[in-house]
Every structure is written in structure tokens, then in C-alpha cells.
Amino acid sequence: MNGVGREDFSEHMRRLGRLSHPNLLPVVAYLYKKDEKLLITDYITNGSLAHFLHGNRGSELDWGKRLRIIRGTARGLGHLYDELPMLTVPHGHLKSSNVLLDGDMEAVLSDYALVPVVTASAAAQVMVAYKAPECVAAAAAGKPSKKSDVWSLGILILEVLTGKFPANYLRQGRQDNADLAGWVSSVVCSSTSRPRFLISPRRRR
């Protein structure tokens, strides 16, 4: 996080510290050093959504919990858009490992709004929003828009619904049919090409 100097970094951290929403993990303190920056937050009981989806705990997430997690994630993201309109990507790094689950299995977003303090080259490599379709054509330049966070939310929703890990998180600005969105699209296309059978409801006895 060497995108800005100490004064601008401190001002941005104070801005994040003023945010208050049940679906956002608050920044309670920070440390600024030349070679190290640390953010201090509260401890969240159940860890990350990724741990549940991909750590053999998916059976603990029934459809009601999954819907509640998606709803909470969307509300937290919406609050960032309302409170940080000056940022092109108010979150910038929305993925399942940055969605934490509290004791009531409510979604709490972490690692948000850090694009302004991260160098442009590092943001283009690691920030999920920079892997949105509008950024792929000019991945080296890294030109996300406010739609980039929404794309990340869509990928997260697909991940919650399918349980599949989005491989595009691991790629640096690349996107092809091997990613989650491409896989879902291929499944939809193949299903529409198959004959459909009408199944009548069972008669009551």
C-alpha cells in the first residue's frame, strides 16, 4: 500500500474509520511505516465465506443462509457506494475470502476501499475489480469503472449458488471460458439446446 504518502494514507484511514454499517468490518486502528502498513479490525467468529464454500463446510449453508449472505453483501456494497462516491471502485476487492461471517452468519465485508492507497500496478494485479470484463481489454492500464464492483458481486453470487471456485481470482487480468462466468454461460447454452420435457404434478391420493 505505497500508492500515497503518510498524510494522504492517514486521511483515507480516518475516512474508512468513520464508516458504520452492520455489513462492513470497521477499521479500528492502523499502522503506517515505510515498508509496512497494517489495518486493525474486530475479530469475526466464523471466518470467511470462502472457508465455508470450499473447505468442506458447504453443507452448513442452507439456501436461507446463502440468500441472507448475498443480501448482506449487497447491502454492505451499497453503503460503500453511498458513502464513498468519489471512488471509482468503492470496494475493489470483493471476493468470498473477503466476505466474513459473524456469529449469526451475517455477511461482513472486509478489505474494502483500498484502491486509493495501493499502487496502480499492484491494484491491476491483485484487485478483483480489475479483472472485470471492461478491464480485460486494457488490463495493463487497469481502467475499472463503478460497474467493476457489481461484476465482482455477480461472480460472488454465482460462487455462492454453485459452490465452484472462480478461477479468475487467480489469473492476472485474464478471462476466458474456464472462469466461473464462462462455465455458467456454457451450462445455460447446453441446457437450452436439449429437449425439454413437461413433467405433470403427482396426483393426490
N, C-alpha and C. Protein backbone atom coordinates (compact mmCIF):
# COMPACT_ATOMS: atom_id res chain seq x y z
N MET A 1 0.84 -1.20 0.00
CA MET A 1 0.00 0.00 0.00
C MET A 1 0.88 1.25 0.00
N ASN A 2 1.61 1.40 -1.07
CA ASN A 2 2.50 2.56 -1.19
C ASN A 2 2.02 3.54 -2.26
N GLY A 3 0.70 3.59 -2.47
CA GLY A 3 0.17 4.46 -3.50
C GLY A 3 0.15 5.92 -3.12
N VAL A 4 0.18 6.22 -1.83
CA VAL A 4 0.14 7.61 -1.35
C VAL A 4 1.11 7.77 -0.19
N GLY A 5 1.36 9.02 0.19
CA GLY A 5 2.23 9.31 1.32
C GLY A 5 1.51 9.17 2.64
N ARG A 6 2.24 9.45 3.73
CA ARG A 6 1.69 9.26 5.07
C ARG A 6 0.44 10.09 5.31
N GLU A 7 0.47 11.35 4.93
CA GLU A 7 -0.67 12.22 5.23
C GLU A 7 -1.93 11.77 4.51
N ASP A 8 -1.80 11.47 3.21
CA ASP A 8 -2.97 11.01 2.45
C ASP A 8 -3.45 9.65 2.94
N PHE A 9 -2.50 8.79 3.31
CA PHE A 9 -2.86 7.47 3.83
C PHE A 9 -3.67 7.63 5.12
N SER A 10 -3.18 8.47 6.01
CA SER A 10 -3.87 8.68 7.29
C SER A 10 -5.26 9.26 7.09
N GLU A 11 -5.39 10.20 6.16
CA GLU A 11 -6.69 10.80 5.90
C GLU A 11 -7.67 9.76 5.38
N HIS A 12 -7.19 8.88 4.50
CA HIS A 12 -8.08 7.85 3.96
C HIS A 12 -8.47 6.85 5.05
N MET A 13 -7.55 6.50 5.92
CA MET A 13 -7.89 5.59 7.01
C MET A 13 -8.91 6.21 7.95
N ARG A 14 -8.79 7.51 8.21
CA ARG A 14 -9.79 8.17 9.04
C ARG A 14 -11.15 8.17 8.36
N ARG A 15 -11.15 8.30 7.05
CA ARG A 15 -12.41 8.25 6.30
C ARG A 15 -13.05 6.87 6.44
N LEU A 16 -12.24 5.83 6.33
CA LEU A 16 -12.78 4.47 6.48
C LEU A 16 -13.24 4.23 7.92
N GLY A 17 -12.52 4.81 8.87
CA GLY A 17 -12.88 4.63 10.27
C GLY A 17 -14.22 5.24 10.63
N ARG A 18 -14.67 6.20 9.83
CA ARG A 18 -15.96 6.84 10.09
C ARG A 18 -17.13 6.05 9.51
N LEU A 19 -16.84 5.06 8.68
CA LEU A 19 -17.92 4.25 8.11
C LEU A 19 -18.55 3.37 9.19
N SER A 20 -19.85 3.27 9.15
CA SER A 20 -20.54 2.44 10.12
C SER A 20 -21.73 1.75 9.46
N HIS A 21 -21.66 0.42 9.37
CA HIS A 21 -22.74 -0.36 8.77
C HIS A 21 -22.62 -1.79 9.26
N PRO A 22 -23.73 -2.46 9.55
CA PRO A 22 -23.65 -3.83 10.09
C PRO A 22 -23.00 -4.83 9.15
N ASN A 23 -22.93 -4.53 7.86
CA ASN A 23 -22.32 -5.45 6.90
C ASN A 23 -20.92 -5.02 6.46
N LEU A 24 -20.30 -4.10 7.21
CA LEU A 24 -18.93 -3.68 6.94
C LEU A 24 -18.08 -3.92 8.17
N LEU A 25 -16.90 -4.49 7.98
CA LEU A 25 -15.96 -4.71 9.08
C LEU A 25 -15.25 -3.38 9.35
N PRO A 26 -15.44 -2.78 10.52
CA PRO A 26 -14.85 -1.46 10.77
C PRO A 26 -13.33 -1.51 10.95
N VAL A 27 -12.67 -0.49 10.45
CA VAL A 27 -11.23 -0.32 10.70
C VAL A 27 -11.10 0.43 12.01
N VAL A 28 -10.51 -0.20 13.02
CA VAL A 28 -10.43 0.41 14.35
C VAL A 28 -9.08 1.06 14.61
N ALA A 29 -8.05 0.67 13.86
CA ALA A 29 -6.73 1.27 14.03
C ALA A 29 -5.86 0.90 12.83
N TYR A 30 -4.76 1.60 12.66
CA TYR A 30 -3.85 1.30 11.56
C TYR A 30 -2.42 1.65 11.97
N LEU A 31 -1.49 1.06 11.28
CA LEU A 31 -0.07 1.34 11.50
C LEU A 31 0.55 1.73 10.16
N TYR A 32 1.27 2.85 10.15
CA TYR A 32 1.93 3.29 8.92
C TYR A 32 3.44 3.30 9.13
N LYS A 33 4.13 2.50 8.35
CA LYS A 33 5.59 2.53 8.28
C LYS A 33 5.99 2.55 6.81
N LYS A 34 7.20 2.90 6.55
CA LYS A 34 7.65 2.99 5.18
C LYS A 34 7.49 1.68 4.43
N ASP A 35 7.86 0.59 5.08
CA ASP A 35 7.81 -0.72 4.42
C ASP A 35 6.68 -1.61 4.91
N GLU A 36 5.79 -1.07 5.74
CA GLU A 36 4.73 -1.91 6.29
C GLU A 36 3.53 -1.07 6.68
N LYS A 37 2.36 -1.51 6.24
CA LYS A 37 1.11 -0.89 6.65
C LYS A 37 0.18 -1.97 7.17
N LEU A 38 -0.39 -1.75 8.33
CA LEU A 38 -1.27 -2.73 8.95
C LEU A 38 -2.61 -2.10 9.28
N LEU A 39 -3.68 -2.86 9.06
CA LEU A 39 -5.02 -2.43 9.44
C LEU A 39 -5.51 -3.33 10.57
N ILE A 40 -6.07 -2.74 11.61
CA ILE A 40 -6.58 -3.49 12.76
C ILE A 40 -8.10 -3.46 12.71
N THR A 41 -8.71 -4.66 12.78
CA THR A 41 -10.17 -4.77 12.75
C THR A 41 -10.63 -5.68 13.88
N ASP A 42 -11.93 -5.76 14.03
CA ASP A 42 -12.50 -6.69 15.00
C ASP A 42 -12.31 -8.13 14.53
N TYR A 43 -12.40 -9.06 15.47
CA TYR A 43 -12.33 -10.48 15.15
C TYR A 43 -13.73 -10.97 14.79
N ILE A 44 -13.84 -11.70 13.68
CA ILE A 44 -15.13 -12.21 13.23
C ILE A 44 -15.16 -13.73 13.45
N THR A 45 -16.17 -14.19 14.15
CA THR A 45 -16.24 -15.55 14.69
C THR A 45 -16.04 -16.67 13.67
N ASN A 46 -16.81 -16.64 12.60
CA ASN A 46 -16.87 -17.79 11.70
C ASN A 46 -15.91 -17.73 10.51
N GLY A 47 -15.05 -16.75 10.48
CA GLY A 47 -14.09 -16.68 9.38
C GLY A 47 -14.74 -16.27 8.07
N SER A 48 -14.19 -16.74 6.96
CA SER A 48 -14.63 -16.25 5.66
C SER A 48 -15.66 -17.16 5.00
N LEU A 49 -16.41 -16.57 4.09
CA LEU A 49 -17.35 -17.32 3.27
C LEU A 49 -16.62 -18.37 2.44
N ALA A 50 -15.43 -18.03 1.95
CA ALA A 50 -14.64 -18.98 1.15
C ALA A 50 -14.35 -20.24 1.95
N HIS A 51 -14.09 -20.09 3.25
CA HIS A 51 -13.80 -21.24 4.11
C HIS A 51 -14.99 -22.20 4.14
N PHE A 52 -16.20 -21.64 4.16
CA PHE A 52 -17.39 -22.49 4.19
C PHE A 52 -17.64 -23.13 2.83
N LEU A 53 -17.51 -22.34 1.77
CA LEU A 53 -17.84 -22.85 0.44
C LEU A 53 -16.84 -23.88 -0.06
N HIS A 54 -15.56 -23.69 0.27
CA HIS A 54 -14.51 -24.53 -0.32
C HIS A 54 -13.71 -25.32 0.72
N GLY A 55 -14.15 -25.30 1.96
CA GLY A 55 -13.44 -26.03 3.00
C GLY A 55 -14.27 -27.15 3.59
N ASN A 56 -15.11 -27.77 2.76
CA ASN A 56 -15.94 -28.90 3.18
C ASN A 56 -16.95 -28.53 4.27
N ARG A 57 -17.39 -27.26 4.25
CA ARG A 57 -18.41 -26.84 5.21
C ARG A 57 -19.65 -26.30 4.49
N GLY A 58 -19.69 -26.54 3.17
CA GLY A 58 -20.81 -26.04 2.39
C GLY A 58 -22.16 -26.57 2.84
N SER A 59 -22.17 -27.76 3.44
CA SER A 59 -23.44 -28.35 3.90
C SER A 59 -24.06 -27.53 5.03
N GLU A 60 -23.26 -26.70 5.68
CA GLU A 60 -23.78 -25.86 6.77
C GLU A 60 -24.51 -24.64 6.24
N LEU A 61 -24.39 -24.39 4.93
CA LEU A 61 -25.03 -23.21 4.34
C LEU A 61 -26.28 -23.65 3.57
N ASP A 62 -27.44 -23.61 4.24
CA ASP A 62 -28.67 -23.91 3.52
C ASP A 62 -29.03 -22.71 2.65
N TRP A 63 -30.09 -22.85 1.86
CA TRP A 63 -30.43 -21.78 0.92
C TRP A 63 -30.82 -20.50 1.61
N GLY A 64 -31.45 -20.61 2.78
CA GLY A 64 -31.80 -19.40 3.53
C GLY A 64 -30.57 -18.62 3.95
N LYS A 65 -29.55 -19.33 4.45
CA LYS A 65 -28.32 -18.66 4.87
C LYS A 65 -27.59 -18.06 3.66
N ARG A 66 -27.58 -18.78 2.56
CA ARG A 66 -26.90 -18.27 1.36
C ARG A 66 -27.57 -16.99 0.86
N LEU A 67 -28.89 -16.98 0.87
CA LEU A 67 -29.61 -15.79 0.44
C LEU A 67 -29.33 -14.62 1.38
N ARG A 68 -29.28 -14.90 2.70
CA ARG A 68 -29.01 -13.85 3.67
C ARG A 68 -27.60 -13.29 3.49
N ILE A 69 -26.64 -14.16 3.16
CA ILE A 69 -25.27 -13.72 2.94
C ILE A 69 -25.19 -12.84 1.70
N ILE A 70 -25.87 -13.24 0.64
CA ILE A 70 -25.88 -12.43 -0.58
C ILE A 70 -26.52 -11.07 -0.32
N ARG A 71 -27.64 -11.09 0.40
CA ARG A 71 -28.33 -9.84 0.70
C ARG A 71 -27.45 -8.91 1.54
N GLY A 72 -26.80 -9.46 2.56
CA GLY A 72 -25.92 -8.63 3.40
C GLY A 72 -24.74 -8.08 2.63
N THR A 73 -24.18 -8.90 1.74
CA THR A 73 -23.06 -8.44 0.91
C THR A 73 -23.49 -7.27 0.04
N ALA A 74 -24.66 -7.39 -0.59
CA ALA A 74 -25.17 -6.33 -1.46
C ALA A 74 -25.44 -5.05 -0.66
N ARG A 75 -25.95 -5.19 0.56
CA ARG A 75 -26.22 -4.02 1.38
C ARG A 75 -24.93 -3.32 1.80
N GLY A 76 -23.93 -4.11 2.17
CA GLY A 76 -22.64 -3.51 2.52
C GLY A 76 -22.02 -2.80 1.34
N LEU A 77 -22.09 -3.41 0.16
CA LEU A 77 -21.54 -2.79 -1.04
C LEU A 77 -22.30 -1.52 -1.38
N GLY A 78 -23.62 -1.57 -1.24
CA GLY A 78 -24.43 -0.38 -1.50
C GLY A 78 -24.07 0.78 -0.58
N HIS A 79 -23.76 0.46 0.68
CA HIS A 79 -23.38 1.51 1.63
C HIS A 79 -22.05 2.15 1.22
N LEU A 80 -21.12 1.34 0.73
CA LEU A 80 -19.85 1.89 0.26
C LEU A 80 -20.08 2.84 -0.91
N TYR A 81 -20.99 2.48 -1.81
CA TYR A 81 -21.29 3.34 -2.95
C TYR A 81 -21.92 4.65 -2.49
N ASP A 82 -22.75 4.58 -1.46
CA ASP A 82 -23.40 5.79 -0.94
C ASP A 82 -22.41 6.71 -0.23
N GLU A 83 -21.50 6.12 0.57
CA GLU A 83 -20.62 6.91 1.42
C GLU A 83 -19.30 7.30 0.75
N LEU A 84 -18.91 6.58 -0.29
CA LEU A 84 -17.63 6.87 -0.95
C LEU A 84 -17.85 7.10 -2.45
N PRO A 85 -18.69 8.07 -2.81
CA PRO A 85 -19.00 8.28 -4.24
C PRO A 85 -17.80 8.79 -5.03
N MET A 86 -16.79 9.30 -4.33
CA MET A 86 -15.61 9.81 -5.04
C MET A 86 -14.71 8.70 -5.56
N LEU A 87 -14.92 7.47 -5.10
CA LEU A 87 -14.08 6.35 -5.53
C LEU A 87 -14.69 5.67 -6.75
N THR A 88 -13.85 5.39 -7.74
CA THR A 88 -14.31 4.68 -8.92
C THR A 88 -14.79 3.28 -8.56
N VAL A 89 -14.03 2.60 -7.72
CA VAL A 89 -14.43 1.28 -7.23
C VAL A 89 -14.45 1.32 -5.69
N PRO A 90 -15.61 1.56 -5.10
CA PRO A 90 -15.70 1.71 -3.65
C PRO A 90 -15.20 0.49 -2.87
N HIS A 91 -15.33 -0.72 -3.43
CA HIS A 91 -14.75 -1.88 -2.74
C HIS A 91 -13.43 -2.25 -3.41
N GLY A 92 -13.48 -2.76 -4.61
CA GLY A 92 -12.27 -3.05 -5.37
C GLY A 92 -11.74 -4.46 -5.23
N HIS A 93 -12.09 -5.15 -4.14
CA HIS A 93 -11.51 -6.48 -3.90
C HIS A 93 -12.56 -7.42 -3.32
N LEU A 94 -13.77 -7.38 -3.90
CA LEU A 94 -14.87 -8.18 -3.38
C LEU A 94 -14.75 -9.62 -3.87
N LYS A 95 -14.53 -10.55 -2.94
CA LYS A 95 -14.46 -11.97 -3.22
C LYS A 95 -14.82 -12.73 -1.96
N SER A 96 -15.02 -14.02 -2.07
CA SER A 96 -15.56 -14.80 -0.95
C SER A 96 -14.63 -14.81 0.26
N SER A 97 -13.32 -14.71 0.06
CA SER A 97 -12.42 -14.68 1.21
C SER A 97 -12.44 -13.34 1.92
N ASN A 98 -13.03 -12.31 1.29
CA ASN A 98 -13.18 -11.00 1.93
C ASN A 98 -14.60 -10.74 2.40
N VAL A 99 -15.42 -11.79 2.38
CA VAL A 99 -16.75 -11.74 2.99
C VAL A 99 -16.68 -12.62 4.23
N LEU A 100 -16.72 -12.00 5.39
CA LEU A 100 -16.62 -12.74 6.65
C LEU A 100 -18.02 -13.01 7.20
N LEU A 101 -18.14 -14.01 8.05
CA LEU A 101 -19.43 -14.41 8.61
C LEU A 101 -19.39 -14.31 10.12
N ASP A 102 -20.29 -13.52 10.68
CA ASP A 102 -20.28 -13.35 12.13
C ASP A 102 -21.01 -14.51 12.81
N GLY A 103 -21.24 -14.39 14.11
CA GLY A 103 -21.86 -15.46 14.87
C GLY A 103 -23.26 -15.81 14.41
N ASP A 104 -23.96 -14.85 13.78
CA ASP A 104 -25.30 -15.09 13.27
C ASP A 104 -25.29 -15.42 11.78
N MET A 105 -24.10 -15.68 11.23
CA MET A 105 -23.92 -16.00 9.81
C MET A 105 -24.35 -14.85 8.91
N GLU A 106 -24.15 -13.62 9.42
CA GLU A 106 -24.40 -12.44 8.60
C GLU A 106 -23.11 -12.05 7.90
N ALA A 107 -23.22 -11.55 6.68
CA ALA A 107 -22.05 -11.16 5.89
C ALA A 107 -21.46 -9.85 6.41
N VAL A 108 -20.12 -9.83 6.52
CA VAL A 108 -19.39 -8.64 6.92
C VAL A 108 -18.24 -8.45 5.93
N LEU A 109 -18.25 -7.35 5.19
CA LEU A 109 -17.25 -7.13 4.15
C LEU A 109 -15.95 -6.60 4.74
N SER A 110 -14.83 -7.11 4.23
CA SER A 110 -13.51 -6.64 4.66
C SER A 110 -12.67 -6.27 3.45
N ASP A 111 -11.52 -5.67 3.69
CA ASP A 111 -10.55 -5.36 2.63
C ASP A 111 -11.14 -4.45 1.56
N TYR A 112 -11.96 -3.50 1.99
CA TYR A 112 -12.66 -2.63 1.04
C TYR A 112 -12.01 -1.24 0.97
N ALA A 113 -12.28 -0.57 -0.15
CA ALA A 113 -11.89 0.84 -0.35
C ALA A 113 -10.39 1.08 -0.20
N LEU A 114 -9.57 0.14 -0.63
CA LEU A 114 -8.12 0.30 -0.51
C LEU A 114 -7.45 0.71 -1.82
N VAL A 115 -8.22 0.78 -2.90
CA VAL A 115 -7.63 1.15 -4.19
C VAL A 115 -6.89 2.49 -4.13
N PRO A 116 -7.41 3.52 -3.43
CA PRO A 116 -6.71 4.81 -3.42
C PRO A 116 -5.32 4.77 -2.79
N VAL A 117 -5.04 3.79 -1.94
CA VAL A 117 -3.74 3.75 -1.26
C VAL A 117 -2.82 2.66 -1.81
N VAL A 118 -3.30 1.95 -2.83
CA VAL A 118 -2.50 0.89 -3.45
C VAL A 118 -1.93 1.41 -4.77
N THR A 119 -0.70 1.04 -5.09
CA THR A 119 -0.12 1.46 -6.35
C THR A 119 -0.94 0.91 -7.51
N ALA A 120 -0.96 1.64 -8.62
CA ALA A 120 -1.79 1.24 -9.76
C ALA A 120 -1.38 -0.13 -10.30
N SER A 121 -0.08 -0.40 -10.35
CA SER A 121 0.37 -1.70 -10.88
C SER A 121 -0.05 -2.84 -9.97
N ALA A 122 0.04 -2.64 -8.66
CA ALA A 122 -0.36 -3.69 -7.72
C ALA A 122 -1.87 -3.90 -7.76
N ALA A 123 -2.63 -2.82 -7.88
CA ALA A 123 -4.08 -2.93 -7.95
C ALA A 123 -4.50 -3.73 -9.16
N ALA A 124 -3.87 -3.47 -10.30
CA ALA A 124 -4.21 -4.19 -11.54
C ALA A 124 -3.90 -5.67 -11.43
N GLN A 125 -2.94 -6.04 -10.60
CA GLN A 125 -2.55 -7.44 -10.46
C GLN A 125 -3.40 -8.20 -9.46
N VAL A 126 -3.74 -7.55 -8.34
CA VAL A 126 -4.37 -8.31 -7.25
C VAL A 126 -5.83 -7.96 -7.00
N MET A 127 -6.27 -6.76 -7.33
CA MET A 127 -7.64 -6.37 -7.03
C MET A 127 -8.63 -7.07 -7.97
N VAL A 128 -9.65 -7.69 -7.41
CA VAL A 128 -10.60 -8.46 -8.21
C VAL A 128 -11.35 -7.58 -9.19
N ALA A 129 -11.68 -6.35 -8.81
CA ALA A 129 -12.43 -5.46 -9.69
C ALA A 129 -11.69 -5.21 -11.00
N TYR A 130 -10.36 -5.28 -10.95
CA TYR A 130 -9.55 -5.03 -12.14
C TYR A 130 -9.56 -6.21 -13.10
N LYS A 131 -10.27 -7.28 -12.75
CA LYS A 131 -10.40 -8.43 -13.63
C LYS A 131 -11.79 -8.47 -14.27
N ALA A 132 -12.56 -7.39 -14.10
CA ALA A 132 -13.87 -7.29 -14.73
C ALA A 132 -13.71 -7.19 -16.24
N PRO A 133 -14.75 -7.57 -17.00
CA PRO A 133 -14.64 -7.57 -18.46
C PRO A 133 -14.17 -6.26 -19.05
N GLU A 134 -14.60 -5.11 -18.49
CA GLU A 134 -14.20 -3.83 -19.06
C GLU A 134 -12.73 -3.52 -18.84
N CYS A 135 -12.08 -4.30 -17.96
CA CYS A 135 -10.66 -4.08 -17.70
C CYS A 135 -9.77 -5.04 -18.48
N VAL A 136 -10.34 -6.13 -18.96
CA VAL A 136 -9.53 -7.17 -19.59
C VAL A 136 -8.85 -6.68 -20.86
N ALA A 137 -9.58 -5.90 -21.66
CA ALA A 137 -9.02 -5.44 -22.92
C ALA A 137 -7.82 -4.53 -22.71
N ALA A 138 -7.83 -3.82 -21.59
CA ALA A 138 -6.71 -2.93 -21.28
C ALA A 138 -6.20 -3.25 -19.88
N ALA A 139 -5.92 -4.54 -19.65
CA ALA A 139 -5.55 -5.00 -18.31
C ALA A 139 -4.30 -4.29 -17.80
N ALA A 140 -3.36 -4.02 -18.69
CA ALA A 140 -2.13 -3.38 -18.25
C ALA A 140 -2.41 -1.98 -17.72
N ALA A 141 -3.38 -1.29 -18.34
CA ALA A 141 -3.71 0.06 -17.91
C ALA A 141 -4.59 0.03 -16.67
N GLY A 142 -5.40 -1.01 -16.55
CA GLY A 142 -6.27 -1.13 -15.38
C GLY A 142 -7.26 0.01 -15.29
N LYS A 143 -8.36 -0.08 -16.04
CA LYS A 143 -9.34 1.01 -16.07
C LYS A 143 -10.69 0.51 -15.60
N PRO A 144 -10.84 0.28 -14.31
CA PRO A 144 -12.14 -0.19 -13.80
C PRO A 144 -13.15 0.95 -13.78
N SER A 145 -14.40 0.59 -13.68
CA SER A 145 -15.47 1.56 -13.55
C SER A 145 -16.32 1.18 -12.33
N LYS A 146 -17.35 1.96 -12.07
CA LYS A 146 -18.21 1.62 -10.95
C LYS A 146 -18.95 0.30 -11.17
N LYS A 147 -18.99 -0.15 -12.44
CA LYS A 147 -19.61 -1.44 -12.72
C LYS A 147 -18.72 -2.61 -12.33
N SER A 148 -17.43 -2.34 -12.11
CA SER A 148 -16.49 -3.43 -11.82
C SER A 148 -16.82 -4.12 -10.51
N ASP A 149 -17.20 -3.34 -9.50
CA ASP A 149 -17.61 -3.94 -8.22
C ASP A 149 -18.88 -4.77 -8.39
N VAL A 150 -19.79 -4.29 -9.24
CA VAL A 150 -21.04 -5.00 -9.47
C VAL A 150 -20.75 -6.34 -10.15
N TRP A 151 -19.79 -6.34 -11.08
CA TRP A 151 -19.37 -7.59 -11.72
C TRP A 151 -18.83 -8.56 -10.66
N SER A 152 -18.02 -8.05 -9.74
CA SER A 152 -17.47 -8.90 -8.68
C SER A 152 -18.59 -9.47 -7.82
N LEU A 153 -19.62 -8.66 -7.55
CA LEU A 153 -20.77 -9.15 -6.78
C LEU A 153 -21.48 -10.27 -7.55
N GLY A 154 -21.62 -10.11 -8.86
CA GLY A 154 -22.26 -11.14 -9.66
C GLY A 154 -21.49 -12.45 -9.62
N ILE A 155 -20.15 -12.36 -9.71
CA ILE A 155 -19.32 -13.56 -9.62
C ILE A 155 -19.47 -14.21 -8.25
N LEU A 156 -19.52 -13.39 -7.21
CA LEU A 156 -19.69 -13.90 -5.85
C LEU A 156 -21.02 -14.63 -5.71
N ILE A 157 -22.08 -14.07 -6.28
CA ILE A 157 -23.39 -14.72 -6.22
C ILE A 157 -23.35 -16.07 -6.92
N LEU A 158 -22.70 -16.14 -8.09
CA LEU A 158 -22.57 -17.42 -8.79
C LEU A 158 -21.78 -18.42 -7.95
N GLU A 159 -20.76 -17.94 -7.27
CA GLU A 159 -19.95 -18.81 -6.42
C GLU A 159 -20.78 -19.38 -5.28
N VAL A 160 -21.61 -18.52 -4.66
CA VAL A 160 -22.46 -18.97 -3.56
C VAL A 160 -23.49 -19.98 -4.04
N LEU A 161 -24.03 -19.76 -5.23
CA LEU A 161 -25.08 -20.64 -5.75
C LEU A 161 -24.54 -21.98 -6.24
N THR A 162 -23.35 -21.96 -6.85
CA THR A 162 -22.81 -23.18 -7.46
C THR A 162 -21.80 -23.91 -6.58
N GLY A 163 -21.16 -23.18 -5.65
CA GLY A 163 -20.12 -23.79 -4.84
C GLY A 163 -18.81 -23.95 -5.57
N LYS A 164 -18.72 -23.45 -6.82
CA LYS A 164 -17.50 -23.56 -7.61
C LYS A 164 -16.60 -22.36 -7.35
N PHE A 165 -15.29 -22.61 -7.31
CA PHE A 165 -14.33 -21.54 -7.06
C PHE A 165 -14.06 -20.76 -8.35
N PRO A 166 -14.16 -19.43 -8.32
CA PRO A 166 -13.92 -18.62 -9.52
C PRO A 166 -12.42 -18.57 -9.84
N ALA A 167 -12.01 -19.26 -10.87
CA ALA A 167 -10.59 -19.32 -11.21
C ALA A 167 -10.03 -17.99 -11.63
N ASN A 168 -10.92 -17.04 -12.04
CA ASN A 168 -10.42 -15.74 -12.48
C ASN A 168 -9.76 -14.96 -11.35
N TYR A 169 -10.01 -15.35 -10.09
CA TYR A 169 -9.31 -14.69 -8.98
C TYR A 169 -7.81 -14.94 -9.05
N LEU A 170 -7.45 -16.09 -9.60
CA LEU A 170 -6.05 -16.49 -9.61
C LEU A 170 -5.30 -15.96 -10.83
N ARG A 171 -6.07 -15.50 -11.83
CA ARG A 171 -5.41 -15.03 -13.04
C ARG A 171 -5.19 -13.53 -12.97
N GLN A 172 -4.17 -13.04 -13.63
CA GLN A 172 -3.84 -11.63 -13.59
C GLN A 172 -4.43 -10.94 -14.81
N GLY A 173 -5.67 -10.48 -14.67
CA GLY A 173 -6.29 -9.75 -15.76
C GLY A 173 -6.75 -10.60 -16.92
N ARG A 174 -6.76 -11.93 -16.76
CA ARG A 174 -7.19 -12.80 -17.84
C ARG A 174 -8.61 -13.28 -17.60
N GLN A 175 -9.28 -13.53 -18.71
CA GLN A 175 -10.63 -14.07 -18.59
C GLN A 175 -10.91 -14.92 -19.81
N ASP A 176 -11.39 -16.12 -19.63
CA ASP A 176 -11.76 -16.99 -20.74
C ASP A 176 -12.89 -17.91 -20.28
N ASN A 177 -13.22 -18.88 -21.11
CA ASN A 177 -14.35 -19.73 -20.79
C ASN A 177 -14.09 -20.67 -19.61
N ALA A 178 -12.86 -20.66 -19.07
CA ALA A 178 -12.56 -21.51 -17.93
C ALA A 178 -12.97 -20.86 -16.61
N ASP A 179 -13.34 -19.58 -16.64
CA ASP A 179 -13.72 -18.93 -15.39
C ASP A 179 -15.17 -19.27 -15.04
N LEU A 180 -15.62 -18.83 -13.86
CA LEU A 180 -16.94 -19.22 -13.38
C LEU A 180 -18.05 -18.69 -14.27
N ALA A 181 -17.95 -17.42 -14.68
CA ALA A 181 -18.98 -16.84 -15.53
C ALA A 181 -19.07 -17.59 -16.85
N GLY A 182 -17.91 -17.94 -17.42
CA GLY A 182 -17.91 -18.70 -18.67
C GLY A 182 -18.50 -20.08 -18.50
N TRP A 183 -18.21 -20.71 -17.35
CA TRP A 183 -18.74 -22.05 -17.09
C TRP A 183 -20.27 -22.01 -16.98
N VAL A 184 -20.80 -21.04 -16.23
CA VAL A 184 -22.25 -20.93 -16.08
C VAL A 184 -22.89 -20.65 -17.43
N SER A 185 -22.28 -19.79 -18.23
CA SER A 185 -22.80 -19.48 -19.56
C SER A 185 -22.85 -20.73 -20.44
N SER A 186 -21.80 -21.56 -20.36
CA SER A 186 -21.77 -22.77 -21.17
C SER A 186 -22.82 -23.77 -20.72
N VAL A 187 -23.08 -23.84 -19.41
CA VAL A 187 -24.11 -24.74 -18.89
C VAL A 187 -25.48 -24.29 -19.37
N VAL A 188 -25.72 -22.97 -19.33
CA VAL A 188 -27.01 -22.44 -19.77
C VAL A 188 -27.21 -22.72 -21.26
N CYS A 189 -26.15 -22.50 -22.06
CA CYS A 189 -26.25 -22.73 -23.51
C CYS A 189 -26.52 -24.20 -23.82
N SER A 190 -25.84 -25.10 -23.11
CA SER A 190 -26.03 -26.52 -23.37
C SER A 190 -27.40 -26.99 -22.93
N SER A 191 -27.92 -26.41 -21.85
CA SER A 191 -29.23 -26.83 -21.36
C SER A 191 -30.34 -26.36 -22.28
N THR A 192 -30.17 -25.19 -22.90
CA THR A 192 -31.22 -24.69 -23.80
C THR A 192 -31.25 -25.44 -25.11
N SER A 193 -30.15 -26.13 -25.43
CA SER A 193 -30.12 -26.89 -26.69
C SER A 193 -30.71 -28.28 -26.54
N ARG A 194 -30.97 -28.70 -25.30
CA ARG A 194 -31.53 -30.03 -25.06
C ARG A 194 -33.06 -29.98 -25.10
N PRO A 195 -33.72 -31.08 -25.48
CA PRO A 195 -35.19 -31.08 -25.47
C PRO A 195 -35.72 -31.00 -24.05
N ARG A 196 -36.81 -30.27 -23.89
CA ARG A 196 -37.42 -30.11 -22.58
C ARG A 196 -38.63 -31.03 -22.46
N PHE A 197 -38.81 -31.60 -21.30
CA PHE A 197 -39.93 -32.49 -21.06
C PHE A 197 -40.82 -31.89 -19.98
N LEU A 198 -42.09 -31.89 -20.25
CA LEU A 198 -43.04 -31.37 -19.29
C LEU A 198 -43.41 -32.47 -18.32
N ILE A 199 -43.18 -32.23 -17.05
CA ILE A 199 -43.50 -33.22 -16.02
C ILE A 199 -44.75 -32.77 -15.29
N SER A 200 -45.79 -33.56 -15.36
CA SER A 200 -47.04 -33.20 -14.71
C SER A 200 -46.94 -33.47 -13.22
N PRO A 201 -47.59 -32.67 -12.40
CA PRO A 201 -47.55 -32.88 -10.94
C PRO A 201 -48.22 -34.20 -10.56
N ARG A 202 -47.74 -34.77 -9.45
CA ARG A 202 -48.30 -36.03 -8.99
C ARG A 202 -49.75 -35.82 -8.53
N ARG A 203 -50.57 -36.81 -8.83
CA ARG A 203 -51.96 -36.72 -8.36
C ARG A 203 -52.02 -37.00 -6.86
N ARG A 204 -52.96 -36.30 -6.23
CA ARG A 204 -53.16 -36.55 -4.80
C ARG A 204 -53.93 -37.87 -4.63
N ARG A 205 -53.50 -38.62 -3.66
CA ARG A 205 -54.18 -39.89 -3.41
C ARG A 205 -55.13 -39.76 -2.24
